[in-house]
Amino acid sequence: MHLEAATTAFLAAVRAEYGYSEHTVRAYRRDLQDFTEFADRMGATQLADCELELMRAWLWDRQQRGLAASTLARNVATLKSFGTWLERSRLVPGNPASRLRTPKAPRALPRVLGDEQISRILDRVATRAAGGDPEALRDHAVLELLYATALRVSELCGLSPSGLDRRERTVRVLGKGGKERVVPFGAPAARSLESYLVRARPALIARAEAVQLAVGRADAADAHDAPDTARARGGTAAGPEVAPRLARHTSSGPAAPLFLGNQGAPLTPSAVYRLVSRELAQEPGSGPSGPHTLRHTAATHLLNGGADLRVVQEMLGHSSLASTQVYTHVSTERLAERYRQAHPRA
């Protein structure tokens, strides 16, 4: 069996059977594509050539290219998952990656915004939203909800109106591994969401419907001008081919995405990243500038305010308490820094 064919089968199994997130599948695909290209350069194109030494050579090559220890750790995890699948599928007699060792990455403290910084950001977007612009209203709701709930950006973009309980101020989230949890949010986020749902989302849906109508008319015109082409594609004049496309991109209904982009399509993680990055660029401090900074900030502020660590773990959707404990280190570090600045005998 060809090595590339085995990786393709593995990725299909990961998506269909294991329920991994699309983000994880993409990471696996990138890693295995690089691995198979390296193996091809080494003349190891068959699955029988996929041995421990080949894997170690690939990891050493990536290390020599200056990749971070955290990236190498993910590469090892990808190979271990691939090797486990190969063994379970009885394509190889044993897991060739079982003896790989994961490099320990230095654990840097996450970037956390101060109370005044997060207030300035939310005040800025609230001022823009006061003008009634649909995009500004949506951006305000997105940032308020990210900070209020500490959601991952993929979880935020995956929200639907049916998962939002406006009376109880909770949102139902589908997290990593398909695990569902219910997360509360406060009054400011509730007000911004209400404004978005009443004043902005209908306008964005109208834009989507206008785009769909234009696409339908264009397809109908193409079908009229070239009926043979339309029949070859499995459709007739304006109906069977256009309707599924419109159904796929509809922005209304209980299963539709809660947050919509400027043209009414589902809001993408990259769009949220640009929004958060633009706001963080106006604040002092270095480090990551993506949506995860708001997640780190929310978790740290909860612990600083006296929230129980287990409660924060549940809110963040962490399967391990160790993942949540990093925020206690952040709180301790900030406390020590303030002590050094303020105490006369520090």
Protein backbone atom coordinates (compact mmCIF):
# COMPACT_ATOMS: atom_id res chain seq x y z
CA MET A 1 0.00 0.00 0.00
CA HIS A 2 1.27 3.49 -0.86
CA LEU A 3 2.05 5.70 2.14
CA GLU A 4 0.07 8.62 0.73
CA ALA A 5 -2.99 6.38 0.24
CA ALA A 6 -2.73 5.28 3.88
CA THR A 7 -2.64 8.87 5.14
CA THR A 8 -5.68 9.72 2.99
CA ALA A 9 -7.60 6.77 4.47
CA PHE A 10 -6.56 7.81 7.98
CA LEU A 11 -7.81 11.38 7.50
CA ALA A 12 -11.12 10.07 6.19
CA ALA A 13 -11.47 7.85 9.26
CA VAL A 14 -10.58 10.70 11.60
CA ARG A 15 -13.29 12.90 10.12
CA ALA A 16 -16.01 10.27 9.78
CA GLU A 17 -15.48 7.99 12.78
CA TYR A 18 -13.56 9.80 15.50
CA GLY A 19 -15.52 13.05 15.56
CA TYR A 20 -12.41 15.25 15.69
CA SER A 21 -12.84 18.96 15.06
CA GLU A 22 -12.14 20.41 11.62
CA HIS A 23 -9.22 22.31 13.14
CA THR A 24 -7.62 19.02 14.28
CA VAL A 25 -8.24 17.37 10.92
CA ARG A 26 -6.57 20.29 9.13
CA ALA A 27 -3.54 20.06 11.46
CA TYR A 28 -3.27 16.30 10.84
CA ARG A 29 -3.51 16.87 7.08
CA ARG A 30 -0.73 19.49 7.09
CA ASP A 31 1.56 17.32 9.20
CA LEU A 32 1.02 14.15 7.18
CA GLN A 33 1.40 15.95 3.87
CA ASP A 34 4.77 17.28 4.99
CA PHE A 35 5.70 13.82 6.30
CA THR A 36 4.79 12.02 3.06
CA GLU A 37 6.65 14.63 0.98
CA PHE A 38 9.73 14.09 3.17
CA ALA A 39 9.34 10.31 2.88
CA ASP A 40 9.07 10.63 -0.89
CA ARG A 41 12.35 12.57 -1.00
CA MET A 42 13.91 9.78 1.04
CA GLY A 43 12.61 7.17 -1.40
CA ALA A 44 10.18 5.75 1.20
CA THR A 45 6.90 5.74 -0.71
CA GLN A 46 5.38 2.49 0.52
CA LEU A 47 3.61 1.90 3.84
CA ALA A 48 6.16 -0.79 4.67
CA ASP A 49 8.80 1.99 4.69
CA CYS A 50 6.93 3.89 7.41
CA GLU A 51 9.21 2.97 10.28
CA LEU A 52 10.43 4.60 13.47
CA GLU A 53 13.71 5.80 11.94
CA LEU A 54 11.90 7.54 9.08
CA MET A 55 9.68 9.34 11.57
CA ARG A 56 12.65 10.38 13.67
CA ALA A 57 14.45 11.67 10.57
CA TRP A 58 11.41 13.77 9.63
CA LEU A 59 11.18 15.27 13.12
CA TRP A 60 14.91 16.00 13.15
CA ASP A 61 14.57 17.72 9.76
CA ARG A 62 11.76 19.90 11.07
CA GLN A 63 13.76 20.73 14.18
CA GLN A 64 16.68 21.81 11.99
CA ARG A 65 14.30 24.12 10.15
CA GLY A 66 13.78 25.99 13.42
CA LEU A 67 10.22 24.91 14.21
CA ALA A 68 9.03 25.51 17.76
CA ALA A 69 8.92 22.74 20.33
CA SER A 70 5.13 23.09 20.51
CA THR A 71 4.89 22.42 16.76
CA LEU A 72 7.16 19.39 17.04
CA ALA A 73 5.02 18.11 19.91
CA ARG A 74 1.96 18.34 17.67
CA ASN A 75 3.86 16.54 14.90
CA VAL A 76 4.63 13.69 17.30
CA ALA A 77 0.98 13.53 18.35
CA THR A 78 -0.06 13.31 14.68
CA LEU A 79 2.35 10.44 14.01
CA LYS A 80 1.23 8.59 17.13
CA SER A 81 -2.43 8.86 16.11
CA PHE A 82 -1.58 7.75 12.58
CA GLY A 83 0.49 4.83 13.89
CA THR A 84 -2.28 3.74 16.27
CA TRP A 85 -4.78 3.76 13.40
CA LEU A 86 -2.41 1.74 11.21
CA GLU A 87 -2.05 -0.88 13.91
CA ARG A 88 -5.79 -1.07 14.65
CA SER A 89 -6.52 -1.35 10.93
CA ARG A 90 -4.00 -4.21 10.76
CA LEU A 91 -2.07 -2.48 8.01
CA VAL A 92 1.16 -2.81 10.02
CA PRO A 93 2.12 -5.31 12.75
CA GLY A 94 2.68 -2.62 15.38
CA ASN A 95 2.54 1.13 15.95
CA PRO A 96 5.75 2.50 14.40
CA ALA A 97 5.39 5.74 16.36
CA SER A 98 4.99 4.16 19.79
CA ARG A 99 8.59 4.92 20.81
CA LEU A 100 8.59 8.55 19.70
CA ARG A 101 9.19 10.99 22.53
CA THR A 102 7.37 14.30 22.71
CA PRO A 103 9.68 17.31 23.18
CA LYS A 104 8.77 19.43 26.14
CA ALA A 105 7.76 22.91 25.11
CA PRO A 106 8.43 25.81 27.47
CA ARG A 107 5.09 26.93 28.80
CA ALA A 108 4.80 30.68 28.41
CA LEU A 109 2.14 32.52 30.33
CA PRO A 110 -0.73 33.63 28.07
CA ARG A 111 -1.33 37.29 27.32
CA VAL A 112 -3.96 38.75 29.62
CA LEU A 113 -5.53 42.19 29.32
CA GLY A 114 -6.03 44.39 32.35
CA ASP A 115 -9.47 45.51 33.53
CA GLU A 116 -9.00 48.99 32.06
CA GLN A 117 -7.84 47.60 28.71
CA ILE A 118 -10.82 45.33 28.22
CA SER A 119 -13.14 48.16 29.28
CA ARG A 120 -11.58 50.48 26.70
CA ILE A 121 -12.00 47.90 23.95
CA LEU A 122 -15.64 47.20 24.74
CA ASP A 123 -16.39 50.92 25.14
CA ARG A 124 -14.90 51.61 21.70
CA VAL A 125 -16.97 48.98 19.93
CA ALA A 126 -20.08 50.06 21.87
CA THR A 127 -19.59 53.64 20.64
CA ARG A 128 -19.37 52.43 17.04
CA ALA A 129 -22.42 50.21 17.49
CA ALA A 130 -24.48 53.15 18.78
CA GLY A 131 -24.70 54.40 15.19
CA GLY A 132 -26.78 51.36 14.22
CA ASP A 133 -24.44 49.97 11.56
CA PRO A 134 -25.12 46.19 11.25
CA GLU A 135 -21.45 45.24 11.17
CA ALA A 136 -20.67 47.41 14.20
CA LEU A 137 -23.60 45.92 16.13
CA ARG A 138 -22.38 42.43 15.28
CA ASP A 139 -18.78 43.22 16.24
CA HIS A 140 -19.95 44.60 19.59
CA ALA A 141 -21.96 41.44 20.30
CA VAL A 142 -19.07 39.19 19.25
CA LEU A 143 -16.52 40.88 21.53
CA GLU A 144 -18.91 41.12 24.48
CA LEU A 145 -19.78 37.43 24.16
CA LEU A 146 -16.17 36.31 23.74
CA TYR A 147 -15.16 38.08 26.93
CA ALA A 148 -18.31 37.13 28.85
CA THR A 149 -18.14 33.40 28.04
CA ALA A 150 -14.44 32.70 27.27
CA LEU A 151 -15.50 30.75 24.18
CA ARG A 152 -13.04 29.45 21.62
CA VAL A 153 -13.40 31.24 18.29
CA SER A 154 -14.53 28.01 16.58
CA GLU A 155 -17.22 27.60 19.24
CA LEU A 156 -18.42 31.18 18.75
CA CYS A 157 -18.67 30.76 14.97
CA GLY A 158 -20.52 27.46 15.47
CA LEU A 159 -23.27 28.96 17.64
CA SER A 160 -26.86 28.87 16.39
CA PRO A 161 -29.87 30.94 17.49
CA SER A 162 -31.49 27.80 18.89
CA GLY A 163 -28.62 27.43 21.38
CA LEU A 164 -29.13 30.91 22.79
CA ASP A 165 -31.38 31.30 25.83
CA ARG A 166 -31.96 35.04 26.08
CA ARG A 167 -34.09 34.83 29.23
CA GLU A 168 -31.67 32.67 31.22
CA ARG A 169 -28.63 34.36 29.63
CA THR A 170 -26.94 31.12 28.63
CA VAL A 171 -25.56 29.73 25.42
CA ARG A 172 -25.24 26.05 24.47
CA VAL A 173 -21.78 25.34 23.06
CA LEU A 174 -20.42 22.38 21.10
CA GLY A 175 -16.78 22.17 22.12
CA LYS A 176 -13.79 19.96 21.40
CA GLY A 177 -14.53 16.30 20.87
CA GLY A 178 -18.22 17.06 20.33
CA LYS A 179 -18.71 17.82 24.05
CA GLU A 180 -21.64 20.07 24.77
CA ARG A 181 -21.76 22.56 27.63
CA VAL A 182 -23.93 25.48 28.72
CA VAL A 183 -22.15 28.76 29.48
CA PRO A 184 -23.71 31.81 31.18
CA PHE A 185 -23.17 35.42 30.16
CA GLY A 186 -23.92 38.75 31.83
CA ALA A 187 -26.12 41.76 31.23
CA PRO A 188 -23.77 43.75 28.93
CA ALA A 189 -23.41 40.77 26.58
CA ALA A 190 -27.17 40.20 26.73
CA ARG A 191 -27.87 43.81 25.71
CA SER A 192 -25.42 43.71 22.81
CA LEU A 193 -26.83 40.38 21.62
CA GLU A 194 -30.38 41.74 21.76
CA SER A 195 -29.37 44.74 19.64
CA TYR A 196 -27.62 42.47 17.16
CA LEU A 197 -30.53 40.04 16.87
CA VAL A 198 -33.17 42.75 16.49
CA ARG A 199 -31.37 45.40 14.45
CA ALA A 200 -28.37 43.82 12.68
CA ARG A 201 -28.94 40.14 11.93
CA PRO A 202 -32.12 40.71 9.85
CA ALA A 203 -30.21 43.23 7.72
CA LEU A 204 -27.36 40.75 7.16
CA ILE A 205 -29.88 38.02 6.26
CA ALA A 206 -31.47 40.39 3.75
CA ARG A 207 -28.06 40.89 2.16
CA ALA A 208 -27.58 37.13 1.88
CA GLU A 209 -30.99 36.71 0.29
CA ALA A 210 -30.18 39.46 -2.22
CA VAL A 211 -26.95 37.69 -3.11
CA GLN A 212 -28.75 34.35 -3.45
CA LEU A 213 -31.39 35.92 -5.66
CA ALA A 214 -28.70 37.40 -7.89
CA VAL A 215 -26.94 34.04 -8.11
CA GLY A 216 -30.21 32.33 -8.96
CA ARG A 217 -30.92 34.81 -11.73
CA ALA A 218 -27.42 34.43 -13.13
CA ASP A 219 -27.74 30.63 -13.13
CA ALA A 220 -31.14 30.85 -14.76
CA ALA A 221 -29.72 33.09 -17.47
CA ASP A 222 -26.80 30.70 -18.01
CA ALA A 223 -29.19 27.78 -18.25
CA HIS A 224 -31.36 29.67 -20.75
CA ASP A 225 -28.36 30.59 -22.88
CA ALA A 226 -26.75 27.16 -22.68
CA PRO A 227 -29.39 24.50 -21.92
CA ASP A 228 -27.10 21.70 -23.00
CA THR A 229 -24.53 22.79 -20.42
CA ALA A 230 -27.20 23.01 -17.73
CA ARG A 231 -28.43 19.50 -18.51
CA ALA A 232 -24.87 18.20 -18.50
CA ARG A 233 -24.48 19.54 -14.97
CA GLY A 234 -27.63 17.79 -13.83
CA GLY A 235 -30.00 20.78 -13.77
CA THR A 236 -32.64 22.40 -15.90
CA ALA A 237 -33.36 26.01 -16.68
CA ALA A 238 -33.51 27.60 -13.21
CA GLY A 239 -34.65 25.06 -10.69
CA PRO A 240 -32.94 21.85 -9.55
CA GLU A 241 -29.39 23.16 -9.80
CA VAL A 242 -29.95 26.53 -8.16
CA ALA A 243 -32.20 25.46 -5.27
CA PRO A 244 -29.65 23.26 -3.44
CA ARG A 245 -27.10 26.07 -3.55
CA LEU A 246 -29.56 28.50 -2.05
CA ALA A 247 -30.50 25.99 0.63
CA ARG A 248 -26.86 25.43 1.52
CA HIS A 249 -26.19 29.12 2.05
CA THR A 250 -29.41 30.14 3.77
CA SER A 251 -28.82 32.34 6.83
CA SER A 252 -32.20 31.96 8.50
CA GLY A 253 -33.75 29.18 10.58
CA PRO A 254 -32.94 27.70 14.01
CA ALA A 255 -29.96 25.71 12.73
CA ALA A 256 -28.37 28.68 10.93
CA PRO A 257 -25.27 30.34 12.39
CA LEU A 258 -25.92 32.97 15.03
CA PHE A 259 -23.26 35.35 13.75
CA LEU A 260 -23.18 36.36 10.09
CA GLY A 261 -20.54 38.03 7.96
CA ASN A 262 -20.91 41.28 6.07
CA GLN A 263 -22.66 39.58 3.13
CA GLY A 264 -24.83 37.31 5.26
CA ALA A 265 -22.65 34.20 5.03
CA PRO A 266 -21.57 32.47 8.27
CA LEU A 267 -19.01 34.51 10.20
CA THR A 268 -15.59 32.87 9.87
CA PRO A 269 -12.87 32.45 12.52
CA SER A 270 -10.49 34.48 10.35
CA ALA A 271 -12.94 37.41 10.36
CA VAL A 272 -13.18 37.25 14.16
CA TYR A 273 -9.40 37.10 14.37
CA ARG A 274 -9.10 40.27 12.28
CA LEU A 275 -11.66 42.03 14.47
CA VAL A 276 -9.92 41.15 17.74
CA SER A 277 -6.46 41.81 16.34
CA ARG A 278 -7.52 45.28 15.19
CA GLU A 279 -8.76 46.15 18.66
CA LEU A 280 -5.79 44.68 20.53
CA ALA A 281 -3.40 46.63 18.29
CA GLN A 282 -4.65 49.79 19.99
CA GLU A 283 -3.73 48.51 23.44
CA PRO A 284 -0.26 48.44 25.03
CA GLY A 285 1.41 45.09 25.51
CA SER A 286 2.95 42.38 23.40
CA GLY A 287 2.09 38.79 22.64
CA PRO A 288 -0.72 37.06 20.74
CA SER A 289 -3.46 39.28 19.39
CA GLY A 290 -6.15 36.77 18.45
CA PRO A 291 -9.49 35.82 20.03
CA HIS A 292 -7.79 33.43 22.46
CA THR A 293 -6.43 36.46 24.30
CA LEU A 294 -10.00 37.31 25.31
CA ARG A 295 -10.49 33.72 26.47
CA HIS A 296 -7.32 33.94 28.59
CA THR A 297 -8.42 37.32 29.92
CA ALA A 298 -11.89 36.13 30.90
CA ALA A 299 -10.54 33.05 32.68
CA THR A 300 -7.94 35.03 34.61
CA HIS A 301 -10.44 37.72 35.61
CA LEU A 302 -12.82 35.03 36.88
CA LEU A 303 -10.13 33.53 39.10
CA ASN A 304 -9.02 36.96 40.27
CA GLY A 305 -12.64 37.63 41.24
CA GLY A 306 -12.79 34.51 43.40
CA ALA A 307 -14.32 31.93 41.05
CA ASP A 308 -13.63 28.31 41.89
CA LEU A 309 -11.07 26.60 39.65
CA ARG A 310 -13.47 23.73 38.89
CA VAL A 311 -16.16 26.19 37.81
CA VAL A 312 -13.74 27.90 35.44
CA GLN A 313 -12.69 24.50 34.10
CA GLU A 314 -16.31 23.66 33.31
CA MET A 315 -16.89 27.05 31.73
CA LEU A 316 -13.83 26.74 29.49
CA GLY A 317 -14.65 23.17 28.49
CA HIS A 318 -11.27 21.81 29.62
CA SER A 319 -11.15 18.04 30.02
CA SER A 320 -8.17 18.34 32.37
CA LEU A 321 -7.85 20.64 35.37
CA ALA A 322 -4.16 21.06 34.52
CA SER A 323 -5.15 23.08 31.45
CA THR A 324 -7.10 25.49 33.65
CA GLN A 325 -4.40 25.80 36.30
CA VAL A 326 -2.22 27.90 34.00
CA TYR A 327 -4.54 30.81 34.81
CA THR A 328 -3.73 30.49 38.51
CA HIS A 329 -0.09 30.98 37.51
CA VAL A 330 -1.08 34.10 35.59
CA SER A 331 -2.90 35.46 38.63
CA THR A 332 0.06 34.70 40.89
CA GLU A 333 2.52 36.30 38.47
CA ARG A 334 0.42 39.47 38.21
CA LEU A 335 0.09 39.60 42.00
CA ALA A 336 3.87 39.29 42.39
CA GLU A 337 4.44 42.00 39.80
CA ARG A 338 2.07 44.40 41.54
CA TYR A 339 3.70 43.59 44.89
CA ARG A 340 7.15 44.46 43.51
CA GLN A 341 5.80 47.72 42.12
CA ALA A 342 3.83 48.79 45.17
CA HIS A 343 5.48 47.46 48.33
CA PRO A 344 8.20 49.73 49.77
CA ARG A 345 10.28 46.75 50.92
CA ALA A 346 9.71 44.52 47.90
